[in-house]
Each structure stands twice: as structure tokens, then as C-alpha cells.
Amino acid sequence: MPDLFELIKTIAVSAVEARRPVEICFGTVQSTAPLTVRLSQKLVLEKEFFIVRQGVTTQSFKVGDKLILFRMQGGQQYLIYDKKGGL
């Protein structure tokens, strides 16, 4: 019976995730060479996790910049949208 429970749980989680294919989140640039971005106390991502728009390079950012990120469904890729700013 535990296998059936796990299968139902997996299906339910997949259904919820399918309804929100993208999540907006924020990160802080920790280093630029190589690019690392801290999303939380425990989660620091390296350049392999990022998709960038054409013309965006690591020189576009400096340590401490706050970034607006779009997390793709599944959490394995993040689109760097822009730097967070104020009005």
C-alpha cells in the first residue's frame, strides 16, 4: 500500500506544479567569476542553472545586486530577468 500512496502523492504534486509553470523569485549575486546567486540561506546557484536574455553577461552584474528571477517548472532552470530596482 505505501507504493500506491507515493504514486497518488506524486500525481497530486505534479498537478499542482502544472498550474504554476513559472514562479517569480529574487536572488543576490554572491560572485561574478564564476557567477553564483544566493536564493536563500541554504540555496546558492551556479551559472549552469541560469538562462539569460541576449546581451546579458556576468559583467552586467556586481556582487550584492538583487536579481529578479523566473523559476521554470521543476526548479532546474532560472531565467535572469533583470536587476531589482526602485522607483
N, C-alpha and C. Protein backbone atom coordinates (compact mmCIF):
# COMPACT_ATOMS: atom_id res chain seq x y z
N MET A 1 0.80 -1.20 0.00
CA MET A 1 0.00 0.00 0.00
C MET A 1 0.85 1.28 0.00
N PRO A 2 2.05 1.31 0.61
CA PRO A 2 2.85 2.52 0.56
C PRO A 2 3.17 2.97 -0.87
N ASP A 3 3.33 2.03 -1.79
CA ASP A 3 3.62 2.39 -3.18
C ASP A 3 2.45 3.15 -3.80
N LEU A 4 1.24 2.73 -3.51
CA LEU A 4 0.05 3.41 -4.03
C LEU A 4 -0.02 4.83 -3.46
N PHE A 5 0.27 4.98 -2.18
CA PHE A 5 0.26 6.29 -1.54
C PHE A 5 1.27 7.21 -2.21
N GLU A 6 2.48 6.72 -2.45
CA GLU A 6 3.52 7.54 -3.09
C GLU A 6 3.12 7.93 -4.51
N LEU A 7 2.49 7.02 -5.23
CA LEU A 7 2.04 7.31 -6.59
C LEU A 7 0.98 8.41 -6.58
N ILE A 8 0.02 8.32 -5.68
CA ILE A 8 -1.02 9.34 -5.57
C ILE A 8 -0.41 10.68 -5.18
N LYS A 9 0.53 10.66 -4.27
CA LYS A 9 1.22 11.88 -3.83
C LYS A 9 1.97 12.52 -5.01
N THR A 10 2.66 11.73 -5.79
CA THR A 10 3.40 12.24 -6.94
C THR A 10 2.46 12.86 -7.97
N ILE A 11 1.34 12.21 -8.22
CA ILE A 11 0.36 12.74 -9.17
C ILE A 11 -0.20 14.06 -8.67
N ALA A 12 -0.50 14.15 -7.39
CA ALA A 12 -1.06 15.38 -6.82
C ALA A 12 -0.06 16.53 -6.91
N VAL A 13 1.17 16.27 -6.57
CA VAL A 13 2.21 17.31 -6.63
C VAL A 13 2.40 17.77 -8.08
N SER A 14 2.40 16.84 -9.02
CA SER A 14 2.56 17.19 -10.43
C SER A 14 1.40 18.05 -10.91
N ALA A 15 0.19 17.75 -10.47
CA ALA A 15 -0.97 18.53 -10.87
C ALA A 15 -0.88 19.96 -10.35
N VAL A 16 -0.43 20.13 -9.12
CA VAL A 16 -0.28 21.46 -8.55
C VAL A 16 0.80 22.23 -9.29
N GLU A 17 1.93 21.60 -9.55
CA GLU A 17 3.02 22.25 -10.26
C GLU A 17 2.62 22.66 -11.67
N ALA A 18 1.79 21.86 -12.31
CA ALA A 18 1.38 22.16 -13.69
C ALA A 18 0.56 23.44 -13.77
N ARG A 19 -0.06 23.82 -12.67
CA ARG A 19 -0.86 25.03 -12.67
C ARG A 19 -0.02 26.29 -12.51
N ARG A 20 1.21 26.16 -12.08
CA ARG A 20 2.09 27.32 -11.97
C ARG A 20 3.43 26.99 -12.62
N PRO A 21 3.47 27.16 -13.93
CA PRO A 21 4.68 26.78 -14.66
C PRO A 21 5.88 27.68 -14.39
N VAL A 22 5.63 28.90 -13.89
CA VAL A 22 6.74 29.82 -13.62
C VAL A 22 6.49 30.48 -12.26
N GLU A 23 7.54 30.64 -11.50
CA GLU A 23 7.45 31.32 -10.21
C GLU A 23 8.47 32.46 -10.21
N ILE A 24 8.05 33.63 -9.75
CA ILE A 24 8.96 34.76 -9.64
C ILE A 24 9.67 34.69 -8.30
N CYS A 25 10.99 34.81 -8.33
CA CYS A 25 11.75 34.82 -7.08
C CYS A 25 12.89 35.83 -7.20
N PHE A 26 13.59 36.04 -6.11
CA PHE A 26 14.67 37.02 -6.07
C PHE A 26 15.94 36.36 -5.56
N GLY A 27 17.07 36.83 -6.04
CA GLY A 27 18.35 36.31 -5.60
C GLY A 27 19.36 37.42 -5.50
N THR A 28 20.45 37.16 -4.79
CA THR A 28 21.52 38.13 -4.60
C THR A 28 22.81 37.58 -5.20
N VAL A 29 23.46 38.38 -6.03
CA VAL A 29 24.72 37.96 -6.64
C VAL A 29 25.77 37.82 -5.55
N GLN A 30 26.35 36.62 -5.45
CA GLN A 30 27.39 36.36 -4.46
C GLN A 30 28.78 36.54 -5.06
N SER A 31 28.93 36.14 -6.34
CA SER A 31 30.20 36.35 -7.04
C SER A 31 29.91 36.42 -8.54
N THR A 32 30.82 37.04 -9.28
CA THR A 32 30.63 37.17 -10.73
C THR A 32 31.57 36.26 -11.52
N ALA A 33 32.62 35.79 -10.91
CA ALA A 33 33.56 34.91 -11.61
C ALA A 33 33.93 33.74 -10.71
N PRO A 34 33.24 32.64 -10.79
CA PRO A 34 32.07 32.33 -11.61
C PRO A 34 30.80 32.93 -10.99
N LEU A 35 29.77 33.07 -11.82
CA LEU A 35 28.51 33.64 -11.35
C LEU A 35 27.84 32.69 -10.36
N THR A 36 27.57 33.20 -9.17
CA THR A 36 26.77 32.46 -8.18
C THR A 36 25.74 33.42 -7.61
N VAL A 37 24.53 32.90 -7.40
CA VAL A 37 23.43 33.71 -6.90
C VAL A 37 22.79 32.98 -5.72
N ARG A 38 22.65 33.69 -4.61
CA ARG A 38 22.02 33.13 -3.41
C ARG A 38 20.52 33.40 -3.45
N LEU A 39 19.73 32.30 -3.40
CA LEU A 39 18.28 32.43 -3.36
C LEU A 39 17.75 32.39 -1.93
N SER A 40 18.43 31.66 -1.08
CA SER A 40 18.02 31.55 0.31
C SER A 40 19.25 31.21 1.14
N GLN A 41 19.03 31.06 2.43
CA GLN A 41 20.12 30.73 3.35
C GLN A 41 20.88 29.48 2.88
N LYS A 42 20.13 28.50 2.36
CA LYS A 42 20.74 27.22 2.01
C LYS A 42 20.98 27.02 0.52
N LEU A 43 20.38 27.85 -0.33
CA LEU A 43 20.42 27.59 -1.77
C LEU A 43 21.23 28.65 -2.51
N VAL A 44 22.38 28.22 -3.06
CA VAL A 44 23.22 29.07 -3.89
C VAL A 44 23.34 28.37 -5.24
N LEU A 45 23.00 29.10 -6.31
CA LEU A 45 23.02 28.52 -7.65
C LEU A 45 24.22 29.02 -8.45
N GLU A 46 24.73 28.14 -9.30
CA GLU A 46 25.83 28.48 -10.18
C GLU A 46 25.31 28.69 -11.59
N LYS A 47 26.16 29.14 -12.50
CA LYS A 47 25.75 29.56 -13.84
C LYS A 47 25.02 28.49 -14.63
N GLU A 48 25.23 27.20 -14.33
CA GLU A 48 24.58 26.12 -15.06
C GLU A 48 23.06 26.16 -14.91
N PHE A 49 22.55 26.80 -13.86
CA PHE A 49 21.12 26.85 -13.59
C PHE A 49 20.43 28.02 -14.29
N PHE A 50 21.19 28.91 -14.92
CA PHE A 50 20.61 30.14 -15.43
C PHE A 50 20.46 30.18 -16.94
N ILE A 51 19.37 30.80 -17.36
CA ILE A 51 19.14 31.16 -18.75
C ILE A 51 19.16 32.69 -18.73
N VAL A 52 19.80 33.28 -19.72
CA VAL A 52 19.87 34.75 -19.76
C VAL A 52 19.38 35.26 -21.10
N ARG A 53 18.89 36.48 -21.08
CA ARG A 53 18.47 37.13 -22.32
C ARG A 53 19.71 37.51 -23.12
N GLN A 54 19.54 37.67 -24.42
CA GLN A 54 20.66 38.06 -25.28
C GLN A 54 21.23 39.39 -24.81
N GLY A 55 22.54 39.47 -24.76
CA GLY A 55 23.21 40.70 -24.34
C GLY A 55 23.50 40.76 -22.85
N VAL A 56 22.98 39.83 -22.07
CA VAL A 56 23.25 39.81 -20.62
C VAL A 56 24.51 38.98 -20.39
N THR A 57 25.46 39.55 -19.67
CA THR A 57 26.70 38.85 -19.34
C THR A 57 26.97 39.01 -17.84
N THR A 58 27.97 38.31 -17.36
CA THR A 58 28.31 38.44 -15.94
C THR A 58 28.80 39.85 -15.62
N GLN A 59 29.29 40.58 -16.64
CA GLN A 59 29.72 41.96 -16.42
C GLN A 59 28.52 42.88 -16.20
N SER A 60 27.31 42.39 -16.49
CA SER A 60 26.10 43.17 -16.27
C SER A 60 25.78 43.31 -14.77
N PHE A 61 26.40 42.47 -13.95
CA PHE A 61 26.08 42.42 -12.53
C PHE A 61 27.31 42.67 -11.68
N LYS A 62 27.06 43.07 -10.44
CA LYS A 62 28.15 43.18 -9.46
C LYS A 62 27.69 42.49 -8.18
N VAL A 63 28.63 42.13 -7.34
CA VAL A 63 28.33 41.45 -6.09
C VAL A 63 27.37 42.31 -5.27
N GLY A 64 26.31 41.69 -4.77
CA GLY A 64 25.32 42.39 -3.96
C GLY A 64 24.08 42.80 -4.74
N ASP A 65 24.14 42.75 -6.08
CA ASP A 65 22.95 43.08 -6.88
C ASP A 65 21.81 42.12 -6.56
N LYS A 66 20.61 42.66 -6.47
CA LYS A 66 19.41 41.84 -6.30
C LYS A 66 18.85 41.58 -7.69
N LEU A 67 18.57 40.31 -7.99
CA LEU A 67 18.09 39.93 -9.31
C LEU A 67 16.64 39.45 -9.24
N ILE A 68 15.89 39.72 -10.30
CA ILE A 68 14.55 39.18 -10.47
C ILE A 68 14.71 37.94 -11.32
N LEU A 69 14.25 36.81 -10.80
CA LEU A 69 14.42 35.53 -11.48
C LEU A 69 13.06 34.88 -11.73
N PHE A 70 12.92 34.22 -12.86
CA PHE A 70 11.75 33.41 -13.14
C PHE A 70 12.20 31.95 -13.03
N ARG A 71 11.63 31.25 -12.06
CA ARG A 71 11.96 29.83 -11.85
C ARG A 71 11.04 29.00 -12.73
N MET A 72 11.63 28.21 -13.61
CA MET A 72 10.86 27.36 -14.50
C MET A 72 10.30 26.18 -13.71
N GLN A 73 9.23 25.61 -14.21
CA GLN A 73 8.62 24.46 -13.55
C GLN A 73 9.66 23.38 -13.34
N GLY A 74 9.71 22.83 -12.15
CA GLY A 74 10.70 21.82 -11.81
C GLY A 74 11.89 22.40 -11.06
N GLY A 75 12.12 23.70 -11.18
CA GLY A 75 13.17 24.36 -10.41
C GLY A 75 14.58 24.11 -10.87
N GLN A 76 14.76 23.56 -12.06
CA GLN A 76 16.12 23.28 -12.53
C GLN A 76 16.71 24.41 -13.37
N GLN A 77 15.88 25.34 -13.81
CA GLN A 77 16.37 26.46 -14.60
C GLN A 77 15.72 27.75 -14.14
N TYR A 78 16.50 28.82 -14.16
CA TYR A 78 16.03 30.14 -13.77
C TYR A 78 16.40 31.13 -14.86
N LEU A 79 15.42 31.93 -15.28
CA LEU A 79 15.67 33.00 -16.23
C LEU A 79 16.02 34.24 -15.44
N ILE A 80 17.19 34.83 -15.71
CA ILE A 80 17.54 36.10 -15.09
C ILE A 80 16.83 37.18 -15.88
N TYR A 81 15.81 37.78 -15.28
CA TYR A 81 15.00 38.77 -15.97
C TYR A 81 15.67 40.14 -15.95
N ASP A 82 16.06 40.59 -14.76
CA ASP A 82 16.66 41.92 -14.64
C ASP A 82 17.14 42.12 -13.21
N LYS A 83 17.76 43.26 -12.97
CA LYS A 83 18.11 43.67 -11.61
C LYS A 83 16.88 44.27 -10.95
N LYS A 84 16.76 44.05 -9.65
CA LYS A 84 15.67 44.64 -8.89
C LYS A 84 16.02 46.10 -8.62
N GLY A 85 15.06 46.97 -8.84
CA GLY A 85 15.28 48.39 -8.62
C GLY A 85 14.13 49.03 -7.87
N GLY A 86 14.21 50.30 -7.69
CA GLY A 86 13.16 51.03 -7.01
C GLY A 86 12.72 52.23 -7.84
N LEU A 87 11.59 52.77 -7.48
CA LEU A 87 11.08 53.95 -8.19
C LEU A 87 11.65 55.20 -7.59
